[in-house]
N, C-alpha and C. Protein backbone atom coordinates (compact mmCIF):
# COMPACT_ATOMS: atom_id res chain seq x y z
N MET A 1 -9.29 -13.41 -19.82
CA MET A 1 -8.18 -14.26 -19.47
C MET A 1 -6.88 -13.47 -19.61
N THR A 2 -6.05 -13.50 -18.60
CA THR A 2 -4.79 -12.74 -18.63
C THR A 2 -3.72 -13.56 -19.32
N GLU A 3 -2.83 -12.85 -19.96
CA GLU A 3 -1.74 -13.53 -20.67
C GLU A 3 -0.64 -13.88 -19.67
N ASP A 4 -0.13 -15.10 -19.80
CA ASP A 4 0.95 -15.55 -18.91
C ASP A 4 2.23 -14.80 -19.26
N PRO A 5 3.04 -14.53 -18.25
CA PRO A 5 4.32 -13.88 -18.53
C PRO A 5 5.21 -14.82 -19.35
N PRO A 6 6.14 -14.26 -20.12
CA PRO A 6 7.02 -15.12 -20.93
C PRO A 6 7.89 -16.01 -20.03
N ILE A 7 8.27 -17.13 -20.56
CA ILE A 7 9.12 -18.07 -19.81
C ILE A 7 10.53 -17.50 -19.77
N ARG A 8 11.10 -17.40 -18.56
CA ARG A 8 12.47 -16.91 -18.41
C ARG A 8 13.43 -18.03 -18.73
N LEU A 9 14.51 -17.68 -19.44
CA LEU A 9 15.52 -18.66 -19.82
C LEU A 9 16.88 -18.24 -19.28
N ASP A 10 17.73 -19.23 -19.00
CA ASP A 10 19.09 -18.90 -18.59
C ASP A 10 19.93 -18.61 -19.84
N GLU A 11 21.25 -18.40 -19.66
CA GLU A 11 22.13 -18.03 -20.77
C GLU A 11 22.16 -19.09 -21.87
N GLN A 12 21.88 -20.33 -21.51
CA GLN A 12 21.94 -21.43 -22.48
C GLN A 12 20.58 -21.75 -23.08
N GLY A 13 19.57 -20.96 -22.75
CA GLY A 13 18.24 -21.15 -23.31
C GLY A 13 17.39 -22.17 -22.58
N ILE A 14 17.81 -22.55 -21.39
CA ILE A 14 17.05 -23.53 -20.60
C ILE A 14 16.05 -22.77 -19.72
N PRO A 15 14.78 -23.20 -19.73
CA PRO A 15 13.78 -22.51 -18.90
C PRO A 15 14.17 -22.55 -17.41
N ILE A 16 13.92 -21.44 -16.73
CA ILE A 16 14.23 -21.34 -15.30
C ILE A 16 12.98 -21.68 -14.50
N LEU A 17 13.12 -22.63 -13.59
CA LEU A 17 12.01 -23.02 -12.72
C LEU A 17 11.89 -21.95 -11.64
N GLU A 18 10.74 -21.27 -11.62
CA GLU A 18 10.55 -20.19 -10.67
C GLU A 18 9.69 -20.59 -9.48
N THR A 19 8.78 -21.49 -9.68
CA THR A 19 7.94 -21.94 -8.58
C THR A 19 7.91 -23.45 -8.56
N ALA A 20 8.52 -24.01 -7.53
CA ALA A 20 8.55 -25.46 -7.39
C ALA A 20 7.19 -25.95 -6.89
N VAL A 21 6.81 -27.14 -7.30
CA VAL A 21 5.54 -27.74 -6.90
C VAL A 21 5.84 -29.03 -6.18
N ALA A 22 5.21 -29.22 -5.03
CA ALA A 22 5.39 -30.47 -4.28
C ALA A 22 4.73 -31.61 -5.05
N GLY A 23 5.19 -32.83 -4.81
CA GLY A 23 4.66 -34.00 -5.51
C GLY A 23 3.16 -34.14 -5.39
N THR A 24 2.61 -33.82 -4.23
CA THR A 24 1.16 -33.95 -4.05
C THR A 24 0.42 -32.89 -4.85
N GLU A 25 1.01 -31.72 -4.99
CA GLU A 25 0.38 -30.66 -5.76
C GLU A 25 0.45 -30.95 -7.26
N ALA A 26 1.48 -31.66 -7.68
CA ALA A 26 1.66 -31.92 -9.10
C ALA A 26 0.52 -32.74 -9.68
N GLU A 27 -0.11 -33.57 -8.88
CA GLU A 27 -1.21 -34.38 -9.37
C GLU A 27 -2.35 -33.52 -9.89
N ASP A 28 -2.54 -32.36 -9.27
CA ASP A 28 -3.63 -31.47 -9.66
C ASP A 28 -3.14 -30.33 -10.55
N ALA A 29 -1.91 -30.36 -10.96
CA ALA A 29 -1.34 -29.25 -11.73
C ALA A 29 -2.01 -29.12 -13.09
N TRP A 30 -1.99 -27.92 -13.63
CA TRP A 30 -2.64 -27.66 -14.91
C TRP A 30 -1.94 -28.38 -16.06
N LEU A 31 -0.70 -28.85 -15.85
CA LEU A 31 0.02 -29.56 -16.91
C LEU A 31 -0.59 -30.92 -17.22
N THR A 32 -1.50 -31.37 -16.38
CA THR A 32 -2.17 -32.65 -16.66
C THR A 32 -3.33 -32.45 -17.63
N ASP A 33 -3.67 -31.22 -17.92
CA ASP A 33 -4.77 -30.91 -18.83
C ASP A 33 -4.20 -30.68 -20.24
N PRO A 34 -4.49 -31.60 -21.18
CA PRO A 34 -3.94 -31.46 -22.54
C PRO A 34 -4.27 -30.13 -23.19
N GLU A 35 -5.43 -29.57 -22.90
CA GLU A 35 -5.80 -28.28 -23.49
C GLU A 35 -4.91 -27.16 -22.99
N GLN A 36 -4.40 -27.30 -21.79
CA GLN A 36 -3.49 -26.30 -21.24
C GLN A 36 -2.06 -26.51 -21.75
N VAL A 37 -1.70 -27.76 -21.97
CA VAL A 37 -0.34 -28.09 -22.37
C VAL A 37 -0.08 -27.77 -23.85
N GLU A 38 -1.08 -27.99 -24.69
CA GLU A 38 -0.90 -27.81 -26.14
C GLU A 38 -0.36 -26.43 -26.51
N PRO A 39 -0.92 -25.33 -26.00
CA PRO A 39 -0.36 -24.02 -26.34
C PRO A 39 1.10 -23.87 -25.89
N LEU A 40 1.42 -24.46 -24.75
CA LEU A 40 2.79 -24.40 -24.26
C LEU A 40 3.75 -25.09 -25.23
N LEU A 41 3.34 -26.24 -25.74
CA LEU A 41 4.18 -26.99 -26.68
C LEU A 41 4.34 -26.26 -28.01
N ASN A 42 3.40 -25.37 -28.32
CA ASN A 42 3.47 -24.62 -29.57
C ASN A 42 4.32 -23.36 -29.47
N GLU A 43 4.80 -23.04 -28.28
CA GLU A 43 5.66 -21.87 -28.12
C GLU A 43 6.98 -22.11 -28.84
N ALA A 44 7.52 -21.07 -29.45
CA ALA A 44 8.75 -21.19 -30.23
C ALA A 44 9.91 -21.69 -29.38
N GLN A 45 10.02 -21.19 -28.15
CA GLN A 45 11.13 -21.59 -27.29
C GLN A 45 11.05 -23.08 -26.95
N ILE A 46 9.86 -23.56 -26.65
CA ILE A 46 9.68 -24.97 -26.33
C ILE A 46 9.91 -25.81 -27.59
N GLY A 47 9.43 -25.32 -28.72
CA GLY A 47 9.66 -26.02 -29.98
C GLY A 47 11.14 -26.16 -30.28
N GLN A 48 11.89 -25.09 -30.00
CA GLN A 48 13.35 -25.14 -30.22
C GLN A 48 14.00 -26.14 -29.28
N LEU A 49 13.54 -26.17 -28.03
CA LEU A 49 14.08 -27.15 -27.07
C LEU A 49 13.78 -28.58 -27.52
N ILE A 50 12.56 -28.80 -28.02
CA ILE A 50 12.18 -30.13 -28.51
C ILE A 50 13.04 -30.50 -29.72
N ASP A 51 13.24 -29.53 -30.63
CA ASP A 51 14.08 -29.79 -31.81
C ASP A 51 15.51 -30.13 -31.39
N ASP A 52 16.04 -29.36 -30.43
CA ASP A 52 17.40 -29.62 -29.94
C ASP A 52 17.50 -30.99 -29.30
N LEU A 53 16.50 -31.34 -28.50
CA LEU A 53 16.49 -32.64 -27.84
C LEU A 53 16.42 -33.76 -28.87
N ALA A 54 15.57 -33.59 -29.88
CA ALA A 54 15.45 -34.60 -30.94
C ALA A 54 16.77 -34.76 -31.69
N ASP A 55 17.45 -33.64 -31.97
CA ASP A 55 18.72 -33.69 -32.67
C ASP A 55 19.79 -34.37 -31.81
N ASP A 56 19.83 -34.02 -30.52
CA ASP A 56 20.79 -34.66 -29.61
C ASP A 56 20.54 -36.17 -29.51
N LEU A 57 19.28 -36.56 -29.43
CA LEU A 57 18.96 -37.99 -29.35
C LEU A 57 19.33 -38.70 -30.65
N ARG A 58 19.09 -38.05 -31.78
CA ARG A 58 19.47 -38.64 -33.07
C ARG A 58 20.98 -38.87 -33.13
N LYS A 59 21.74 -37.87 -32.71
CA LYS A 59 23.20 -38.00 -32.71
C LYS A 59 23.66 -39.10 -31.76
N LEU A 60 23.03 -39.17 -30.59
CA LEU A 60 23.39 -40.19 -29.61
C LEU A 60 23.10 -41.59 -30.15
N VAL A 61 21.95 -41.76 -30.78
CA VAL A 61 21.60 -43.06 -31.36
C VAL A 61 22.57 -43.42 -32.48
N SER A 62 22.89 -42.46 -33.34
CA SER A 62 23.85 -42.71 -34.43
C SER A 62 25.21 -43.10 -33.87
N TRP A 63 25.67 -42.37 -32.86
CA TRP A 63 26.97 -42.67 -32.24
C TRP A 63 26.96 -44.05 -31.62
N LYS A 64 25.87 -44.40 -30.93
CA LYS A 64 25.79 -45.71 -30.27
C LYS A 64 25.79 -46.83 -31.31
N ILE A 65 25.02 -46.66 -32.38
CA ILE A 65 24.98 -47.67 -33.44
C ILE A 65 26.36 -47.82 -34.07
N GLU A 66 27.01 -46.69 -34.36
CA GLU A 66 28.35 -46.73 -34.95
C GLU A 66 29.33 -47.44 -34.02
N THR A 67 29.26 -47.13 -32.73
CA THR A 67 30.16 -47.77 -31.75
C THR A 67 29.93 -49.27 -31.70
N LEU A 68 28.67 -49.68 -31.65
CA LEU A 68 28.37 -51.11 -31.59
C LEU A 68 28.83 -51.83 -32.85
N ILE A 69 28.62 -51.20 -34.01
CA ILE A 69 29.05 -51.82 -35.27
C ILE A 69 30.57 -51.94 -35.31
N LYS A 70 31.28 -50.88 -34.90
CA LYS A 70 32.75 -50.94 -34.89
C LYS A 70 33.25 -52.04 -33.97
N GLU A 71 32.66 -52.14 -32.77
CA GLU A 71 33.08 -53.17 -31.83
C GLU A 71 32.82 -54.56 -32.40
N GLU A 72 31.66 -54.76 -33.00
CA GLU A 72 31.31 -56.07 -33.54
C GLU A 72 32.20 -56.42 -34.73
N LEU A 73 32.44 -55.45 -35.62
CA LEU A 73 33.33 -55.70 -36.75
C LEU A 73 34.74 -56.02 -36.28
N GLY A 74 35.22 -55.29 -35.29
CA GLY A 74 36.54 -55.56 -34.73
C GLY A 74 36.63 -56.97 -34.18
N ARG A 75 35.60 -57.38 -33.46
CA ARG A 75 35.57 -58.72 -32.88
C ARG A 75 35.55 -59.78 -33.99
N LEU A 76 34.71 -59.57 -35.00
CA LEU A 76 34.62 -60.53 -36.11
C LEU A 76 35.93 -60.62 -36.89
N LEU A 77 36.57 -59.47 -37.13
CA LEU A 77 37.85 -59.48 -37.83
C LEU A 77 38.92 -60.20 -37.03
N GLN A 78 38.93 -59.97 -35.72
CA GLN A 78 39.89 -60.64 -34.84
C GLN A 78 39.69 -62.15 -34.89
N GLU A 79 38.43 -62.59 -34.78
CA GLU A 79 38.14 -64.03 -34.83
C GLU A 79 38.56 -64.62 -36.17
N ALA A 80 38.23 -63.94 -37.26
CA ALA A 80 38.58 -64.44 -38.59
C ALA A 80 40.10 -64.50 -38.75
N SER A 81 40.78 -63.50 -38.24
CA SER A 81 42.24 -63.47 -38.33
C SER A 81 42.85 -64.62 -37.54
N GLU A 82 42.32 -64.86 -36.34
CA GLU A 82 42.84 -65.96 -35.52
C GLU A 82 42.58 -67.31 -36.18
N ARG A 83 41.40 -67.48 -36.75
CA ARG A 83 41.08 -68.74 -37.43
C ARG A 83 41.96 -68.93 -38.67
N GLY A 84 42.16 -67.86 -39.41
CA GLY A 84 42.92 -67.94 -40.65
C GLY A 84 44.42 -67.98 -40.44
N SER A 85 44.91 -67.45 -39.32
CA SER A 85 46.36 -67.37 -39.12
C SER A 85 46.99 -68.75 -38.97
N GLU A 86 46.31 -69.68 -38.34
CA GLU A 86 46.86 -71.02 -38.18
C GLU A 86 46.97 -71.70 -39.55
N LYS A 87 45.94 -71.56 -40.36
CA LYS A 87 45.99 -72.15 -41.70
C LYS A 87 47.05 -71.46 -42.54
N LEU A 88 47.14 -70.13 -42.43
CA LEU A 88 48.14 -69.39 -43.19
C LEU A 88 49.55 -69.84 -42.79
N ALA A 89 49.79 -70.00 -41.50
CA ALA A 89 51.11 -70.46 -41.04
C ALA A 89 51.41 -71.84 -41.60
N GLY A 90 50.42 -72.72 -41.60
CA GLY A 90 50.61 -74.06 -42.17
C GLY A 90 50.91 -74.00 -43.66
N ASP A 91 50.20 -73.13 -44.38
CA ASP A 91 50.44 -72.99 -45.82
C ASP A 91 51.84 -72.45 -46.09
N ILE A 92 52.28 -71.48 -45.31
CA ILE A 92 53.63 -70.93 -45.48
C ILE A 92 54.68 -72.01 -45.20
N ARG A 93 54.47 -72.76 -44.14
CA ARG A 93 55.39 -73.84 -43.79
C ARG A 93 55.49 -74.85 -44.94
N THR A 94 54.35 -75.23 -45.50
CA THR A 94 54.33 -76.19 -46.61
C THR A 94 55.08 -75.63 -47.81
N GLN A 95 54.84 -74.38 -48.15
CA GLN A 95 55.52 -73.77 -49.30
C GLN A 95 57.03 -73.69 -49.07
N LEU A 96 57.44 -73.36 -47.84
CA LEU A 96 58.87 -73.30 -47.54
C LEU A 96 59.50 -74.68 -47.66
N ARG A 97 58.83 -75.71 -47.15
CA ARG A 97 59.36 -77.07 -47.24
C ARG A 97 59.50 -77.50 -48.70
N LEU A 98 58.54 -77.09 -49.52
CA LEU A 98 58.62 -77.45 -50.93
C LEU A 98 59.70 -76.65 -51.66
N ALA A 99 59.89 -75.41 -51.30
CA ALA A 99 60.82 -74.54 -52.02
C ALA A 99 62.25 -74.62 -51.51
N LEU A 100 62.45 -74.94 -50.24
CA LEU A 100 63.80 -74.90 -49.66
C LEU A 100 64.79 -75.83 -50.35
N PRO A 101 64.44 -77.06 -50.68
CA PRO A 101 65.45 -77.90 -51.35
C PRO A 101 65.98 -77.27 -52.64
N GLU A 102 65.11 -76.73 -53.44
CA GLU A 102 65.54 -76.10 -54.69
C GLU A 102 66.33 -74.83 -54.42
N LEU A 103 65.89 -74.04 -53.43
CA LEU A 103 66.62 -72.82 -53.07
C LEU A 103 68.02 -73.15 -52.57
N LEU A 104 68.14 -74.15 -51.70
CA LEU A 104 69.46 -74.54 -51.17
C LEU A 104 70.36 -75.05 -52.29
N ALA A 105 69.79 -75.86 -53.18
CA ALA A 105 70.58 -76.37 -54.30
C ALA A 105 71.08 -75.21 -55.16
N GLY A 106 70.24 -74.22 -55.39
CA GLY A 106 70.64 -73.06 -56.18
C GLY A 106 71.74 -72.28 -55.49
N VAL A 107 71.66 -72.13 -54.18
CA VAL A 107 72.70 -71.41 -53.43
C VAL A 107 74.02 -72.17 -53.52
N VAL A 108 73.98 -73.49 -53.37
CA VAL A 108 75.21 -74.30 -53.44
C VAL A 108 75.82 -74.20 -54.83
N ARG A 109 74.99 -74.29 -55.89
CA ARG A 109 75.51 -74.18 -57.26
C ARG A 109 76.14 -72.81 -57.48
N ALA A 110 75.49 -71.77 -56.98
CA ALA A 110 76.03 -70.42 -57.15
C ALA A 110 77.34 -70.27 -56.39
N ALA A 111 77.44 -70.86 -55.22
CA ALA A 111 78.67 -70.77 -54.43
C ALA A 111 79.81 -71.51 -55.12
N ARG A 112 79.52 -72.65 -55.75
CA ARG A 112 80.56 -73.43 -56.43
C ARG A 112 81.08 -72.68 -57.66
N LYS A 113 80.19 -71.95 -58.33
CA LYS A 113 80.62 -71.22 -59.52
C LYS A 113 81.56 -70.09 -59.16
N THR A 114 81.38 -69.50 -58.01
CA THR A 114 82.23 -68.37 -57.62
C THR A 114 83.56 -68.84 -57.07
N ASP A 115 83.66 -70.12 -56.69
CA ASP A 115 84.93 -70.63 -56.13
C ASP A 115 85.91 -70.91 -57.18
């Protein structure tokens, strides 16, 4: 059995397709035979590509989860703020109504003392 030539890679380490296979030919291709594919998957270059792909997918999933969580938290905070702001405004209004008579009386007393 002759040894296959090494897989050629471009500058970025991506394998270069040298012989294209038509769709009808692909059905009979040797890549459908697990015994033929297993040694290919054990090659260091392919292993590195699989590791890189797995790392990229992990980062993508983490980024997507983080984005979704940020969006949902933002939405929940906005809703809570809108619900609470009306009550807060009412509470402030009530406190001002309760405090204003005493504050005004204090201002008038202070003004009379300076006159």
